[in-house]
Amino acid sequence: MGSAHPQESPSKARGLADGMYRHAHWYVLALFLLVFAGFFKTYFSKLGQTDLIRHIHAATAIGWMTLLVVQSYAITHGKASWHRAFAKLSFLLVPLLTITGLFMIHIMLARHPLQLGSS
């Protein structure tokens, strides 16, 4: 009888590691750095001047991006069990990221309401 989480065969894991995804963790890390640069002026340079919801949103976003880096590294380096273990964190991070993102949208719209019909 099979286990609840079948292990990938070593040859399949090697196939992933040899393919274009072998360096995926570097691609995600580069994206992470691009996001940091994009939010530097409006968030990171003003850490002491912002509210708690923005800090929670930033922490969950950073956590989620870090999770993507770690998971892609783990799977391409034959650590499928680590990949699955870290995936379980996404069940906490993604809902928190979504909820705080909705709060951020609310805050931005309250500050600058949409002006429908005006050009």
C-alpha atoms as a PDB file:
ATOM      1  CA  MET A   1       0.000   0.000   0.000  1.00  0.00           C
ATOM      2  CA  GLY A   2       1.362   3.461  -0.933  1.00  0.00           C
ATOM      3  CA  SER A   3       2.119   6.214   1.523  1.00  0.00           C
ATOM      4  CA  ALA A   4       0.087   9.416   1.770  1.00  0.00           C
ATOM      5  CA  HIS A   5       3.001  11.357   0.301  1.00  0.00           C
ATOM      6  CA  PRO A   6       4.761   9.267  -2.329  1.00  0.00           C
ATOM      7  CA  GLN A   7       8.429  10.155  -2.702  1.00  0.00           C
ATOM      8  CA  GLU A   8       9.638  11.288  -6.080  1.00  0.00           C
ATOM      9  CA  SER A   9      12.046   8.968  -7.752  1.00  0.00           C
ATOM     10  CA  PRO A  10      15.670  10.120  -7.706  1.00  0.00           C
ATOM     11  CA  SER A  11      15.713  10.174 -11.509  1.00  0.00           C
ATOM     12  CA  LYS A  12      12.662  12.456 -11.624  1.00  0.00           C
ATOM     13  CA  ALA A  13      14.205  14.792  -9.038  1.00  0.00           C
ATOM     14  CA  ARG A  14      17.439  14.846 -11.079  1.00  0.00           C
ATOM     15  CA  GLY A  15      15.376  15.644 -14.193  1.00  0.00           C
ATOM     16  CA  LEU A  16      13.896  18.689 -12.441  1.00  0.00           C
ATOM     17  CA  ALA A  17      17.294  19.751 -11.178  1.00  0.00           C
ATOM     18  CA  ASP A  18      18.824  19.445 -14.646  1.00  0.00           C
ATOM     19  CA  GLY A  19      16.051  21.379 -16.387  1.00  0.00           C
ATOM     20  CA  MET A  20      15.288  25.061 -16.593  1.00  0.00           C
ATOM     21  CA  TYR A  21      13.977  25.060 -13.017  1.00  0.00           C
ATOM     22  CA  ARG A  22      17.347  24.126 -11.537  1.00  0.00           C
ATOM     23  CA  HIS A  23      18.041  27.786 -10.760  1.00  0.00           C
ATOM     24  CA  ALA A  24      14.456  28.857 -10.022  1.00  0.00           C
ATOM     25  CA  HIS A  25      15.380  29.937  -6.497  1.00  0.00           C
ATOM     26  CA  TRP A  26      17.747  32.513  -8.004  1.00  0.00           C
ATOM     27  CA  TYR A  27      15.000  33.835 -10.298  1.00  0.00           C
ATOM     28  CA  VAL A  28      12.617  34.200  -7.350  1.00  0.00           C
ATOM     29  CA  LEU A  29      15.356  35.814  -5.258  1.00  0.00           C
ATOM     30  CA  ALA A  30      15.991  38.317  -8.076  1.00  0.00           C
ATOM     31  CA  LEU A  31      12.282  39.107  -8.120  1.00  0.00           C
ATOM     32  CA  PHE A  32      12.413  39.502  -4.337  1.00  0.00           C
ATOM     33  CA  LEU A  33      15.200  42.088  -4.730  1.00  0.00           C
ATOM     34  CA  LEU A  34      13.227  43.904  -7.430  1.00  0.00           C
ATOM     35  CA  VAL A  35      10.199  44.101  -5.114  1.00  0.00           C
ATOM     36  CA  PHE A  36      12.437  45.411  -2.316  1.00  0.00           C
ATOM     37  CA  ALA A  37      13.767  48.117  -4.625  1.00  0.00           C
ATOM     38  CA  GLY A  38      10.241  48.990  -5.730  1.00  0.00           C
ATOM     39  CA  PHE A  39       8.989  49.410  -2.163  1.00  0.00           C
ATOM     40  CA  PHE A  40      12.133  50.994  -0.749  1.00  0.00           C
ATOM     41  CA  LYS A  41      11.015  54.614  -1.112  1.00  0.00           C
ATOM     42  CA  THR A  42       7.428  54.140   0.045  1.00  0.00           C
ATOM     43  CA  TYR A  43       7.894  51.523   2.783  1.00  0.00           C
ATOM     44  CA  PHE A  44      11.398  50.396   3.732  1.00  0.00           C
ATOM     45  CA  SER A  45      12.853  53.907   4.048  1.00  0.00           C
ATOM     46  CA  LYS A  46       9.955  54.888   6.357  1.00  0.00           C
ATOM     47  CA  LEU A  47       9.697  51.862   8.669  1.00  0.00           C
ATOM     48  CA  GLY A  48       9.163  53.973  11.795  1.00  0.00           C
ATOM     49  CA  GLN A  49       6.488  56.113  10.155  1.00  0.00           C
ATOM     50  CA  THR A  50       3.893  53.529   9.175  1.00  0.00           C
ATOM     51  CA  ASP A  51       1.052  51.611  10.802  1.00  0.00           C
ATOM     52  CA  LEU A  52       0.816  48.027  12.033  1.00  0.00           C
ATOM     53  CA  ILE A  53      -1.284  46.717   9.136  1.00  0.00           C
ATOM     54  CA  ARG A  54       1.409  47.724   6.633  1.00  0.00           C
ATOM     55  CA  HIS A  55       4.057  45.967   8.744  1.00  0.00           C
ATOM     56  CA  ILE A  56       1.938  42.810   8.936  1.00  0.00           C
ATOM     57  CA  HIS A  57       1.304  42.933   5.183  1.00  0.00           C
ATOM     58  CA  ALA A  58       5.023  43.424   4.489  1.00  0.00           C
ATOM     59  CA  ALA A  59       5.983  40.593   6.856  1.00  0.00           C
ATOM     60  CA  THR A  60       3.541  38.167   5.224  1.00  0.00           C
ATOM     61  CA  ALA A  61       4.659  39.203   1.724  1.00  0.00           C
ATOM     62  CA  ILE A  62       8.330  38.777   2.650  1.00  0.00           C
ATOM     63  CA  GLY A  63       7.518  35.450   4.286  1.00  0.00           C
ATOM     64  CA  TRP A  64       5.676  34.230   1.208  1.00  0.00           C
ATOM     65  CA  MET A  65       8.484  35.268  -1.156  1.00  0.00           C
ATOM     66  CA  THR A  66      11.042  33.649   1.134  1.00  0.00           C
ATOM     67  CA  LEU A  67       8.925  30.513   1.120  1.00  0.00           C
ATOM     68  CA  LEU A  68       9.041  30.478  -2.698  1.00  0.00           C
ATOM     69  CA  VAL A  69      12.833  30.731  -2.658  1.00  0.00           C
ATOM     70  CA  VAL A  70      13.230  27.976  -0.054  1.00  0.00           C
ATOM     71  CA  GLN A  71      10.712  25.661  -1.715  1.00  0.00           C
ATOM     72  CA  SER A  72      12.217  25.995  -5.173  1.00  0.00           C
ATOM     73  CA  TYR A  73      15.682  25.369  -3.736  1.00  0.00           C
ATOM     74  CA  ALA A  74      14.474  22.349  -1.771  1.00  0.00           C
ATOM     75  CA  ILE A  75      12.703  20.638  -4.661  1.00  0.00           C
ATOM     76  CA  THR A  76      15.556  21.106  -7.124  1.00  0.00           C
ATOM     77  CA  HIS A  77      18.072  19.797  -4.610  1.00  0.00           C
ATOM     78  CA  GLY A  78      16.234  16.555  -3.857  1.00  0.00           C
ATOM     79  CA  LYS A  79      14.628  17.704  -0.600  1.00  0.00           C
ATOM     80  CA  ALA A  80      10.979  16.976  -1.425  1.00  0.00           C
ATOM     81  CA  SER A  81      10.108  16.440   2.242  1.00  0.00           C
ATOM     82  CA  TRP A  82      11.428  19.935   3.074  1.00  0.00           C
ATOM     83  CA  HIS A  83       9.469  21.316   0.133  1.00  0.00           C
ATOM     84  CA  ARG A  84       6.234  19.772   1.463  1.00  0.00           C
ATOM     85  CA  ALA A  85       6.928  20.855   5.043  1.00  0.00           C
ATOM     86  CA  PHE A  86       7.465  24.460   4.004  1.00  0.00           C
ATOM     87  CA  ALA A  87       4.397  24.303   1.760  1.00  0.00           C
ATOM     88  CA  LYS A  88       2.267  23.883   4.864  1.00  0.00           C
ATOM     89  CA  LEU A  89       3.301  27.386   5.949  1.00  0.00           C
ATOM     90  CA  SER A  90       1.537  28.739   2.885  1.00  0.00           C
ATOM     91  CA  PHE A  91      -1.786  27.755   4.474  1.00  0.00           C
ATOM     92  CA  LEU A  92      -1.075  30.450   7.069  1.00  0.00           C
ATOM     93  CA  LEU A  93       0.838  33.006   4.999  1.00  0.00           C
ATOM     94  CA  VAL A  94      -1.358  33.241   1.901  1.00  0.00           C
ATOM     95  CA  PRO A  95      -4.643  33.967   3.759  1.00  0.00           C
ATOM     96  CA  LEU A  96      -2.866  36.555   5.934  1.00  0.00           C
ATOM     97  CA  LEU A  97      -1.286  38.128   2.859  1.00  0.00           C
ATOM     98  CA  THR A  98      -4.681  38.249   1.145  1.00  0.00           C
ATOM     99  CA  ILE A  99      -6.501  39.714   4.157  1.00  0.00           C
ATOM    100  CA  THR A 100      -3.854  42.365   4.790  1.00  0.00           C
ATOM    101  CA  GLY A 101      -3.797  43.108   1.046  1.00  0.00           C
ATOM    102  CA  LEU A 102      -7.543  43.801   1.189  1.00  0.00           C
ATOM    103  CA  PHE A 103      -6.953  46.131   4.139  1.00  0.00           C
ATOM    104  CA  MET A 104      -4.262  47.905   2.120  1.00  0.00           C
ATOM    105  CA  ILE A 105      -6.685  48.372  -0.779  1.00  0.00           C
ATOM    106  CA  HIS A 106      -9.259  49.783   1.640  1.00  0.00           C
ATOM    107  CA  ILE A 107      -6.720  52.220   3.100  1.00  0.00           C
ATOM    108  CA  MET A 108      -5.578  53.382  -0.348  1.00  0.00           C
ATOM    109  CA  LEU A 109      -9.144  53.844  -1.611  1.00  0.00           C
ATOM    110  CA  ALA A 110     -10.125  55.751   1.533  1.00  0.00           C
ATOM    111  CA  ARG A 111      -7.212  58.113   0.977  1.00  0.00           C
ATOM    112  CA  HIS A 112      -7.738  58.494  -2.782  1.00  0.00           C
ATOM    113  CA  PRO A 113     -11.320  57.505  -3.754  1.00  0.00           C
ATOM    114  CA  LEU A 114     -11.951  56.415  -7.308  1.00  0.00           C
ATOM    115  CA  GLN A 115     -13.482  59.127  -9.431  1.00  0.00           C
ATOM    116  CA  LEU A 116     -15.606  57.154 -11.902  1.00  0.00           C
ATOM    117  CA  GLY A 117     -16.653  58.963 -15.048  1.00  0.00           C
ATOM    118  CA  SER A 118     -14.151  61.786 -14.794  1.00  0.00           C
ATOM    119  CA  SER A 119     -11.311  62.184 -17.250  1.00  0.00           C
END
